[in-house]
Amino acid sequence: MTSRADEYARRRGLLQLRCTAQRQRMEQSLAQIASDFGRFERSIDAVRKFRVPPLLLGAAAALALGLGGGRTIGLLGRAWVLFNSFQRIKRSILPTGSSR
């Protein structure tokens, strides 16, 4: 017959094993949640980067009505290339910390 102290030690060991397993499952779950939030934050950053002011949207709509769809798309494509080129030049000339 085991003594009361032996029984408590055995139960304590079992509880510690259960807690360790539970802690590992929690860490895995939290890592998955952090990964999901990372993807969400990257998508929010992309939306913020490409957000367009209402005045620019209005000007693009007026341009599309005045020039027609095909010419407007071509003009917007060239403007986008020009804008990206200037952004790259700015990043290559200015140090990373002084861009704003």
PDB file of N, CA and C in Angstrom:
ATOM      1  N   MET A   1       0.842  -1.180   0.000  1.00  0.00           N
ATOM      2  CA  MET A   1       0.000   0.000   0.000  1.00  0.00           C
ATOM      3  C   MET A   1       0.889   1.246   0.000  1.00  0.00           C
ATOM      4  N   THR A   2       0.570   2.150  -0.923  1.00  0.00           N
ATOM      5  CA  THR A   2       1.378   3.359  -1.029  1.00  0.00           C
ATOM      6  C   THR A   2       0.961   4.372   0.019  1.00  0.00           C
ATOM      7  N   SER A   3       1.902   5.131   0.408  1.00  0.00           N
ATOM      8  CA  SER A   3       1.600   6.154   1.403  1.00  0.00           C
ATOM      9  C   SER A   3       0.943   7.346   0.718  1.00  0.00           C
ATOM     10  N   ARG A   4       0.400   8.199   1.511  1.00  0.00           N
ATOM     11  CA  ARG A   4      -0.276   9.382   1.009  1.00  0.00           C
ATOM     12  C   ARG A   4       0.706  10.292   0.268  1.00  0.00           C
ATOM     13  N   ALA A   5       1.913  10.440   0.763  1.00  0.00           N
ATOM     14  CA  ALA A   5       2.933  11.288   0.129  1.00  0.00           C
ATOM     15  C   ALA A   5       3.308  10.739  -1.248  1.00  0.00           C
ATOM     16  N   ASP A   6       3.402   9.405  -1.361  1.00  0.00           N
ATOM     17  CA  ASP A   6       3.708   8.801  -2.668  1.00  0.00           C
ATOM     18  C   ASP A   6       2.579   9.057  -3.671  1.00  0.00           C
ATOM     19  N   GLU A   7       1.353   8.966  -3.183  1.00  0.00           N
ATOM     20  CA  GLU A   7       0.192   9.217  -4.047  1.00  0.00           C
ATOM     21  C   GLU A   7       0.185  10.674  -4.534  1.00  0.00           C
ATOM     22  N   TYR A   8       0.445  11.599  -3.627  1.00  0.00           N
ATOM     23  CA  TYR A   8       0.509  13.010  -4.013  1.00  0.00           C
ATOM     24  C   TYR A   8       1.633  13.264  -5.023  1.00  0.00           C
ATOM     25  N   ALA A   9       2.781  12.646  -4.838  1.00  0.00           N
ATOM     26  CA  ALA A   9       3.909  12.809  -5.758  1.00  0.00           C
ATOM     27  C   ALA A   9       3.551  12.259  -7.133  1.00  0.00           C
ATOM     28  N   ARG A  10       2.853  11.126  -7.162  1.00  0.00           N
ATOM     29  CA  ARG A  10       2.445  10.532  -8.431  1.00  0.00           C
ATOM     30  C   ARG A  10       1.449  11.441  -9.153  1.00  0.00           C
ATOM     31  N   ARG A  11       0.459  11.954  -8.414  1.00  0.00           N
ATOM     32  CA  ARG A  11      -0.534  12.869  -9.009  1.00  0.00           C
ATOM     33  C   ARG A  11       0.123  14.150  -9.497  1.00  0.00           C
ATOM     34  N   ARG A  12       1.054  14.642  -8.719  1.00  0.00           N
ATOM     35  CA  ARG A  12       1.751  15.871  -9.103  1.00  0.00           C
ATOM     36  C   ARG A  12       2.524  15.655 -10.414  1.00  0.00           C
ATOM     37  N   GLY A  13       3.193  14.535 -10.538  1.00  0.00           N
ATOM     38  CA  GLY A  13       3.923  14.213 -11.769  1.00  0.00           C
ATOM     39  C   GLY A  13       3.000  14.123 -12.972  1.00  0.00           C
ATOM     40  N   LEU A  14       1.831  13.475 -12.779  1.00  0.00           N
ATOM     41  CA  LEU A  14       0.856  13.381 -13.870  1.00  0.00           C
ATOM     42  C   LEU A  14       0.332  14.757 -14.271  1.00  0.00           C
ATOM     43  N   LEU A  15       0.049  15.588 -13.270  1.00  0.00           N
ATOM     44  CA  LEU A  15      -0.424  16.945 -13.571  1.00  0.00           C
ATOM     45  C   LEU A  15       0.639  17.760 -14.308  1.00  0.00           C
ATOM     46  N   GLN A  16       1.889  17.597 -13.917  1.00  0.00           N
ATOM     47  CA  GLN A  16       2.957  18.324 -14.598  1.00  0.00           C
ATOM     48  C   GLN A  16       3.079  17.883 -16.050  1.00  0.00           C
ATOM     49  N   LEU A  17       2.920  16.585 -16.293  1.00  0.00           N
ATOM     50  CA  LEU A  17       2.955  16.101 -17.677  1.00  0.00           C
ATOM     51  C   LEU A  17       1.793  16.654 -18.495  1.00  0.00           C
ATOM     52  N   ARG A  18       0.602  16.667 -17.884  1.00  0.00           N
ATOM     53  CA  ARG A  18      -0.565  17.232 -18.584  1.00  0.00           C
ATOM     54  C   ARG A  18      -0.373  18.711 -18.869  1.00  0.00           C
ATOM     55  N   CYS A  19       0.176  19.434 -17.896  1.00  0.00           N
ATOM     56  CA  CYS A  19       0.408  20.872 -18.088  1.00  0.00           C
ATOM     57  C   CYS A  19       1.430  21.130 -19.191  1.00  0.00           C
ATOM     58  N   THR A  20       2.460  20.317 -19.239  1.00  0.00           N
ATOM     59  CA  THR A  20       3.476  20.476 -20.273  1.00  0.00           C
ATOM     60  C   THR A  20       2.871  20.256 -21.654  1.00  0.00           C
ATOM     61  N   ALA A  21       2.072  19.201 -21.784  1.00  0.00           N
ATOM     62  CA  ALA A  21       1.424  18.923 -23.067  1.00  0.00           C
ATOM     63  C   ALA A  21       0.461  20.054 -23.444  1.00  0.00           C
ATOM     64  N   GLN A  22      -0.281  20.541 -22.471  1.00  0.00           N
ATOM     65  CA  GLN A  22      -1.220  21.624 -22.713  1.00  0.00           C
ATOM     66  C   GLN A  22      -0.486  22.904 -23.115  1.00  0.00           C
ATOM     67  N   ARG A  23       0.623  23.184 -22.462  1.00  0.00           N
ATOM     68  CA  ARG A  23       1.428  24.358 -22.790  1.00  0.00           C
ATOM     69  C   ARG A  23       1.957  24.276 -24.217  1.00  0.00           C
ATOM     70  N   GLN A  24       2.390  23.096 -24.632  1.00  0.00           N
ATOM     71  CA  GLN A  24       2.887  22.927 -25.996  1.00  0.00           C
ATOM     72  C   GLN A  24       1.779  23.137 -27.026  1.00  0.00           C
ATOM     73  N   ARG A  25       0.590  22.616 -26.735  1.00  0.00           N
ATOM     74  CA  ARG A  25      -0.543  22.832 -27.652  1.00  0.00           C
ATOM     75  C   ARG A  25      -0.891  24.314 -27.740  1.00  0.00           C
ATOM     76  N   MET A  26      -0.843  25.021 -26.610  1.00  0.00           N
ATOM     77  CA  MET A  26      -1.117  26.461 -26.597  1.00  0.00           C
ATOM     78  C   MET A  26      -0.104  27.223 -27.432  1.00  0.00           C
ATOM     79  N   GLU A  27       1.170  26.864 -27.289  1.00  0.00           N
ATOM     80  CA  GLU A  27       2.217  27.537 -28.057  1.00  0.00           C
ATOM     81  C   GLU A  27       2.016  27.329 -29.548  1.00  0.00           C
ATOM     82  N   GLN A  28       1.629  26.118 -29.952  1.00  0.00           N
ATOM     83  CA  GLN A  28       1.370  25.856 -31.362  1.00  0.00           C
ATOM     84  C   GLN A  28       0.182  26.672 -31.861  1.00  0.00           C
ATOM     85  N   SER A  29      -0.858  26.743 -31.063  1.00  0.00           N
ATOM     86  CA  SER A  29      -2.040  27.520 -31.442  1.00  0.00           C
ATOM     87  C   SER A  29      -1.702  29.000 -31.558  1.00  0.00           C
ATOM     88  N   LEU A  30      -0.937  29.511 -30.604  1.00  0.00           N
ATOM     89  CA  LEU A  30      -0.561  30.925 -30.643  1.00  0.00           C
ATOM     90  C   LEU A  30       0.346  31.232 -31.824  1.00  0.00           C
ATOM     91  N   ALA A  31       1.210  30.305 -32.181  1.00  0.00           N
ATOM     92  CA  ALA A  31       2.062  30.509 -33.354  1.00  0.00           C
ATOM     93  C   ALA A  31       1.213  30.585 -34.617  1.00  0.00           C
ATOM     94  N   GLN A  32       0.194  29.750 -34.715  1.00  0.00           N
ATOM     95  CA  GLN A  32      -0.704  29.784 -35.879  1.00  0.00           C
ATOM     96  C   GLN A  32      -1.474  31.098 -35.920  1.00  0.00           C
ATOM     97  N   ILE A  33      -1.950  31.547 -34.778  1.00  0.00           N
ATOM     98  CA  ILE A  33      -2.686  32.820 -34.716  1.00  0.00           C
ATOM     99  C   ILE A  33      -1.764  33.970 -35.100  1.00  0.00           C
ATOM    100  N   ALA A  34      -0.539  33.965 -34.608  1.00  0.00           N
ATOM    101  CA  ALA A  34       0.412  35.023 -34.950  1.00  0.00           C
ATOM    102  C   ALA A  34       0.700  35.020 -36.448  1.00  0.00           C
ATOM    103  N   SER A  35       0.788  33.854 -37.036  1.00  0.00           N
ATOM    104  CA  SER A  35       1.012  33.751 -38.478  1.00  0.00           C
ATOM    105  C   SER A  35      -0.173  34.336 -39.244  1.00  0.00           C
ATOM    106  N   ASP A  36      -1.385  34.009 -38.806  1.00  0.00           N
ATOM    107  CA  ASP A  36      -2.582  34.544 -39.461  1.00  0.00           C
ATOM    108  C   ASP A  36      -2.646  36.063 -39.333  1.00  0.00           C
ATOM    109  N   PHE A  37      -2.321  36.589 -38.151  1.00  0.00           N
ATOM    110  CA  PHE A  37      -2.328  38.033 -37.971  1.00  0.00           C
ATOM    111  C   PHE A  37      -1.249  38.703 -38.812  1.00  0.00           C
ATOM    112  N   GLY A  38      -0.121  38.026 -38.983  1.00  0.00           N
ATOM    113  CA  GLY A  38       0.939  38.570 -39.833  1.00  0.00           C
ATOM    114  C   GLY A  38       0.463  38.751 -41.260  1.00  0.00           C
ATOM    115  N   ARG A  39      -0.247  37.749 -41.781  1.00  0.00           N
ATOM    116  CA  ARG A  39      -0.809  37.865 -43.134  1.00  0.00           C
ATOM    117  C   ARG A  39      -1.829  38.996 -43.195  1.00  0.00           C
ATOM    118  N   PHE A  40      -2.664  39.102 -42.173  1.00  0.00           N
ATOM    119  CA  PHE A  40      -3.674  40.158 -42.128  1.00  0.00           C
ATOM    120  C   PHE A  40      -3.014  41.534 -42.110  1.00  0.00           C
ATOM    121  N   GLU A  41      -1.975  41.697 -41.299  1.00  0.00           N
ATOM    122  CA  GLU A  41      -1.288  42.982 -41.206  1.00  0.00           C
ATOM    123  C   GLU A  41      -0.607  43.343 -42.526  1.00  0.00           C
ATOM    124  N   ARG A  42      -0.030  42.345 -43.214  1.00  0.00           N
ATOM    125  CA  ARG A  42       0.584  42.625 -44.507  1.00  0.00           C
ATOM    126  C   ARG A  42      -0.460  43.066 -45.528  1.00  0.00           C
ATOM    127  N   SER A  43      -1.647  42.460 -45.494  1.00  0.00           N
ATOM    128  CA  SER A  43      -2.685  42.868 -46.435  1.00  0.00           C
ATOM    129  C   SER A  43      -3.197  44.270 -46.109  1.00  0.00           C
ATOM    130  N   ILE A  44      -3.298  44.604 -44.834  1.00  0.00           N
ATOM    131  CA  ILE A  44      -3.710  45.963 -44.445  1.00  0.00           C
ATOM    132  C   ILE A  44      -2.662  46.972 -44.897  1.00  0.00           C
ATOM    133  N   ASP A  45      -1.381  46.638 -44.749  1.00  0.00           N
ATOM    134  CA  ASP A  45      -0.319  47.531 -45.217  1.00  0.00           C
ATOM    135  C   ASP A  45      -0.389  47.738 -46.723  1.00  0.00           C
ATOM    136  N   ALA A  46      -0.713  46.681 -47.462  1.00  0.00           N
ATOM    137  CA  ALA A  46      -0.843  46.808 -48.913  1.00  0.00           C
ATOM    138  C   ALA A  46      -2.005  47.724 -49.271  1.00  0.00           C
ATOM    139  N   VAL A  47      -3.115  47.598 -48.550  1.00  0.00           N
ATOM    140  CA  VAL A  47      -4.267  48.472 -48.808  1.00  0.00           C
ATOM    141  C   VAL A  47      -3.903  49.918 -48.496  1.00  0.00           C
ATOM    142  N   ARG A  48      -3.197  50.142 -47.399  1.00  0.00           N
ATOM    143  CA  ARG A  48      -2.790  51.510 -47.052  1.00  0.00           C
ATOM    144  C   ARG A  48      -1.839  52.088 -48.093  1.00  0.00           C
ATOM    145  N   LYS A  49      -0.984  51.244 -48.625  1.00  0.00           N
ATOM    146  CA  LYS A  49      -0.009  51.704 -49.610  1.00  0.00           C
ATOM    147  C   LYS A  49      -0.700  52.127 -50.909  1.00  0.00           C
ATOM    148  N   PHE A  50      -1.723  51.375 -51.310  1.00  0.00           N
ATOM    149  CA  PHE A  50      -2.373  51.640 -52.586  1.00  0.00           C
ATOM    150  C   PHE A  50      -3.672  52.434 -52.468  1.00  0.00           C
ATOM    151  N   ARG A  51      -3.938  52.970 -51.306  1.00  0.00           N
ATOM    152  CA  ARG A  51      -5.172  53.731 -51.146  1.00  0.00           C
ATOM    153  C   ARG A  51      -5.078  55.010 -51.978  1.00  0.00           C
ATOM    154  N   VAL A  52      -6.177  55.379 -52.603  1.00  0.00           N
ATOM    155  CA  VAL A  52      -6.202  56.495 -53.541  1.00  0.00           C
ATOM    156  C   VAL A  52      -7.092  57.594 -52.968  1.00  0.00           C
ATOM    157  N   PRO A  53      -6.595  58.842 -52.949  1.00  0.00           N
ATOM    158  CA  PRO A  53      -7.427  59.944 -52.455  1.00  0.00           C
ATOM    159  C   PRO A  53      -8.649  60.171 -53.354  1.00  0.00           C
ATOM    160  N   PRO A  54      -9.764  60.612 -52.783  1.00  0.00           N
ATOM    161  CA  PRO A  54     -10.983  60.824 -53.572  1.00  0.00           C
ATOM    162  C   PRO A  54     -10.789  61.823 -54.716  1.00  0.00           C
ATOM    163  N   LEU A  55      -9.958  62.840 -54.520  1.00  0.00           N
ATOM    164  CA  LEU A  55      -9.732  63.814 -55.582  1.00  0.00           C
ATOM    165  C   LEU A  55      -9.088  63.150 -56.794  1.00  0.00           C
ATOM    166  N   LEU A  56      -8.174  62.243 -56.550  1.00  0.00           N
ATOM    167  CA  LEU A  56      -7.521  61.531 -57.634  1.00  0.00           C
ATOM    168  C   LEU A  56      -8.507  60.614 -58.357  1.00  0.00           C
ATOM    169  N   LEU A  57      -9.406  59.978 -57.601  1.00  0.00           N
ATOM    170  CA  LEU A  57     -10.430  59.141 -58.223  1.00  0.00           C
ATOM    171  C   LEU A  57     -11.351  59.977 -59.111  1.00  0.00           C
ATOM    172  N   GLY A  58     -11.731  61.155 -58.624  1.00  0.00           N
ATOM    173  CA  GLY A  58     -12.576  62.043 -59.424  1.00  0.00           C
ATOM    174  C   GLY A  58     -11.878  62.502 -60.691  1.00  0.00           C
ATOM    175  N   ALA A  59     -10.599  62.830 -60.583  1.00  0.00           N
ATOM    176  CA  ALA A  59      -9.846  63.251 -61.767  1.00  0.00           C
ATOM    177  C   ALA A  59      -9.726  62.108 -62.767  1.00  0.00           C
ATOM    178  N   ALA A  60      -9.521  60.888 -62.290  1.00  0.00           N
ATOM    179  CA  ALA A  60      -9.428  59.737 -63.186  1.00  0.00           C
ATOM    180  C   ALA A  60     -10.760  59.473 -63.879  1.00  0.00           C
ATOM    181  N   ALA A  61     -11.864  59.639 -63.158  1.00  0.00           N
ATOM    182  CA  ALA A  61     -13.181  59.448 -63.767  1.00  0.00           C
ATOM    183  C   ALA A  61     -13.442  60.503 -64.842  1.00  0.00           C
ATOM    184  N   ALA A  62     -13.085  61.749 -64.559  1.00  0.00           N
ATOM    185  CA  ALA A  62     -13.261  62.812 -65.552  1.00  0.00           C
ATOM    186  C   ALA A  62     -12.384  62.556 -66.776  1.00  0.00           C
ATOM    187  N   LEU A  63     -11.179  62.103 -66.563  1.00  0.00           N
ATOM    188  CA  LEU A  63     -10.271  61.774 -67.648  1.00  0.00           C
ATOM    189  C   LEU A  63     -10.836  60.641 -68.496  1.00  0.00           C
ATOM    190  N   ALA A  64     -11.404  59.629 -67.840  1.00  0.00           N
ATOM    191  CA  ALA A  64     -11.976  58.496 -68.566  1.00  0.00           C
ATOM    192  C   ALA A  64     -13.169  58.935 -69.408  1.00  0.00           C
ATOM    193  N   LEU A  65     -13.980  59.837 -68.880  1.00  0.00           N
ATOM    194  CA  LEU A  65     -15.124  60.325 -69.648  1.00  0.00           C
ATOM    195  C   LEU A  65     -14.680  61.188 -70.825  1.00  0.00           C
ATOM    196  N   GLY A  66     -13.631  61.979 -70.603  1.00  0.00           N
ATOM    197  CA  GLY A  66     -13.178  62.887 -71.659  1.00  0.00           C
ATOM    198  C   GLY A  66     -12.391  62.194 -72.761  1.00  0.00           C
ATOM    199  N   LEU A  67     -11.562  61.249 -72.414  1.00  0.00           N
ATOM    200  CA  LEU A  67     -10.698  60.615 -73.412  1.00  0.00           C
ATOM    201  C   LEU A  67     -11.221  59.289 -73.939  1.00  0.00           C
ATOM    202  N   GLY A  68     -12.061  58.639 -73.205  1.00  0.00           N
ATOM    203  CA  GLY A  68     -12.508  57.306 -73.586  1.00  0.00           C
ATOM    204  C   GLY A  68     -11.717  56.263 -72.811  1.00  0.00           C
ATOM    205  N   GLY A  69     -12.237  55.046 -72.772  1.00  0.00           N
ATOM    206  CA  GLY A  69     -11.659  53.997 -71.943  1.00  0.00           C
ATOM    207  C   GLY A  69     -10.265  53.558 -72.358  1.00  0.00           C
ATOM    208  N   GLY A  70     -10.051  53.291 -73.643  1.00  0.00           N
ATOM    209  CA  GLY A  70      -8.767  52.761 -74.101  1.00  0.00           C
ATOM    210  C   GLY A  70      -7.622  53.734 -73.912  1.00  0.00           C
ATOM    211  N   ARG A  71      -7.843  54.986 -74.296  1.00  0.00           N
ATOM    212  CA  ARG A  71      -6.783  55.986 -74.139  1.00  0.00           C
ATOM    213  C   ARG A  71      -6.493  56.261 -72.672  1.00  0.00           C
ATOM    214  N   THR A  72      -7.529  56.243 -71.853  1.00  0.00           N
ATOM    215  CA  THR A  72      -7.340  56.502 -70.419  1.00  0.00           C
ATOM    216  C   THR A  72      -6.500  55.401 -69.771  1.00  0.00           C
ATOM    217  N   ILE A  73      -6.787  54.151 -70.103  1.00  0.00           N
ATOM    218  CA  ILE A  73      -6.027  53.034 -69.528  1.00  0.00           C
ATOM    219  C   ILE A  73      -4.563  53.135 -69.935  1.00  0.00           C
ATOM    220  N   GLY A  74      -4.299  53.450 -71.201  1.00  0.00           N
ATOM    221  CA  GLY A  74      -2.916  53.602 -71.660  1.00  0.00           C
ATOM    222  C   GLY A  74      -2.202  54.730 -70.934  1.00  0.00           C
ATOM    223  N   LEU A  75      -2.886  55.843 -70.770  1.00  0.00           N
ATOM    224  CA  LEU A  75      -2.300  56.990 -70.079  1.00  0.00           C
ATOM    225  C   LEU A  75      -2.041  56.671 -68.604  1.00  0.00           C
ATOM    226  N   LEU A  76      -2.987  55.990 -67.964  1.00  0.00           N
ATOM    227  CA  LEU A  76      -2.800  55.617 -66.562  1.00  0.00           C
ATOM    228  C   LEU A  76      -1.658  54.616 -66.404  1.00  0.00           C
ATOM    229  N   GLY A  77      -1.517  53.710 -67.359  1.00  0.00           N
ATOM    230  CA  GLY A  77      -0.405  52.759 -67.312  1.00  0.00           C
ATOM    231  C   GLY A  77       0.940  53.458 -67.401  1.00  0.00           C
ATOM    232  N   ARG A  78       1.056  54.415 -68.311  1.00  0.00           N
ATOM    233  CA  ARG A  78       2.315  55.167 -68.427  1.00  0.00           C
ATOM    234  C   ARG A  78       2.568  56.007 -67.184  1.00  0.00           C
ATOM    235  N   ALA A  79       1.525  56.596 -66.621  1.00  0.00           N
ATOM    236  CA  ALA A  79       1.682  57.390 -65.397  1.00  0.00           C
ATOM    237  C   ALA A  79       2.131  56.497 -64.234  1.00  0.00           C
ATOM    238  N   TRP A  80       1.590  55.276 -64.167  1.00  0.00           N
ATOM    239  CA  TRP A  80       1.975  54.342 -63.103  1.00  0.00           C
ATOM    240  C   TRP A  80       3.446  53.959 -63.222  1.00  0.00           C
ATOM    241  N   VAL A  81       3.900  53.692 -64.434  1.00  0.00           N
ATOM    242  CA  VAL A  81       5.309  53.352 -64.655  1.00  0.00           C
ATOM    243  C   VAL A  81       6.193  54.529 -64.253  1.00  0.00           C
ATOM    244  N   LEU A  82       5.806  55.728 -64.637  1.00  0.00           N
ATOM    245  CA  LEU A  82       6.576  56.920 -64.295  1.00  0.00           C
ATOM    246  C   LEU A  82       6.629  57.127 -62.783  1.00  0.00           C
ATOM    247  N   PHE A  83       5.485  56.952 -62.123  1.00  0.00           N
ATOM    248  CA  PHE A  83       5.424  57.114 -60.674  1.00  0.00           C
ATOM    249  C   PHE A  83       6.336  56.107 -59.978  1.00  0.00           C
ATOM    250  N   ASN A  84       6.253  54.840 -60.393  1.00  0.00           N
ATOM    251  CA  ASN A  84       7.108  53.818 -59.786  1.00  0.00           C
ATOM    252  C   ASN A  84       8.580  54.090 -60.046  1.00  0.00           C
ATOM    253  N   SER A  85       8.905  54.597 -61.213  1.00  0.00           N
ATOM    254  CA  SER A  85      10.301  54.924 -61.511  1.00  0.00           C
ATOM    255  C   SER A  85      10.804  56.014 -60.574  1.00  0.00           C
ATOM    256  N   PHE A  86      10.006  57.041 -60.369  1.00  0.00           N
ATOM    257  CA  PHE A  86      10.407  58.112 -59.456  1.00  0.00           C
ATOM    258  C   PHE A  86      10.550  57.594 -58.022  1.00  0.00           C
ATOM    259  N   GLN A  87       9.653  56.695 -57.618  1.00  0.00           N
ATOM    260  CA  GLN A  87       9.756  56.119 -56.269  1.00  0.00           C
ATOM    261  C   GLN A  87      11.060  55.346 -56.107  1.00  0.00           C
ATOM    262  N   ARG A  88      11.432  54.575 -57.113  1.00  0.00           N
ATOM    263  CA  ARG A  88      12.683  53.804 -57.036  1.00  0.00           C
ATOM    264  C   ARG A  88      13.898  54.717 -57.029  1.00  0.00           C
ATOM    265  N   ILE A  89      13.855  55.760 -57.841  1.00  0.00           N
ATOM    266  CA  ILE A  89      14.972  56.711 -57.860  1.00  0.00           C
ATOM    267  C   ILE A  89      15.099  57.385 -56.502  1.00  0.00           C
ATOM    268  N   LYS A  90      13.962  57.784 -55.939  1.00  0.00           N
ATOM    269  CA  LYS A  90      13.971  58.439 -54.632  1.00  0.00           C
ATOM    270  C   LYS A  90      14.558  57.518 -53.567  1.00  0.00           C
ATOM    271  N   ARG A  91      14.178  56.219 -53.603  1.00  0.00           N
ATOM    272  CA  ARG A  91      14.687  55.267 -52.618  1.00  0.00           C
ATOM    273  C   ARG A  91      16.173  55.015 -52.810  1.00  0.00           C
ATOM    274  N   SER A  92      16.651  55.078 -54.045  1.00  0.00           N
ATOM    275  CA  SER A  92      18.073  54.809 -54.265  1.00  0.00           C
ATOM    276  C   SER A  92      18.925  56.017 -53.917  1.00  0.00           C
ATOM    277  N   ILE A  93      18.389  57.230 -54.028  1.00  0.00           N
ATOM    278  CA  ILE A  93      19.148  58.440 -53.731  1.00  0.00           C
ATOM    279  C   ILE A  93      19.111  58.761 -52.234  1.00  0.00           C
ATOM    280  N   LEU A  94      17.925  58.743 -51.662  1.00  0.00           N
ATOM    281  CA  LEU A  94      17.768  59.103 -50.248  1.00  0.00           C
ATOM    282  C   LEU A  94      18.043  57.909 -49.348  1.00  0.00           C
ATOM    283  N   PRO A  95      18.679  58.149 -48.208  1.00  0.00           N
ATOM    284  CA  PRO A  95      18.838  57.048 -47.237  1.00  0.00           C
ATOM    285  C   PRO A  95      17.476  56.578 -46.738  1.00  0.00           C
ATOM    286  N   THR A  96      17.440  55.401 -46.197  1.00  0.00           N
ATOM    287  CA  THR A  96      16.180  54.776 -45.782  1.00  0.00           C
ATOM    288  C   THR A  96      15.447  55.588 -44.731  1.00  0.00           C
ATOM    289  N   GLY A  97      16.144  56.136 -43.752  1.00  0.00           N
ATOM    290  CA  GLY A  97      15.500  56.846 -42.652  1.00  0.00           C
ATOM    291  C   GLY A  97      15.004  58.222 -43.000  1.00  0.00           C
ATOM    292  N   SER A  98      15.487  58.877 -44.053  1.00  0.00           N
ATOM    293  CA  SER A  98      15.121  60.262 -44.333  1.00  0.00           C
ATOM    294  C   SER A  98      14.089  60.391 -45.451  1.00  0.00           C
ATOM    295  N   SER A  99      13.364  59.327 -45.767  1.00  0.00           N
ATOM    296  CA  SER A  99      12.401  59.408 -46.847  1.00  0.00           C
ATOM    297  C   SER A  99      11.145  60.175 -46.457  1.00  0.00           C
ATOM    298  N   ARG A 100      10.908  60.383 -45.161  1.00  0.00           N
ATOM    299  CA  ARG A 100       9.718  61.136 -44.744  1.00  0.00           C
ATOM    300  C   ARG A 100      10.072  62.186 -43.761  1.00  0.00           C
TER     301      ARG A 100
END
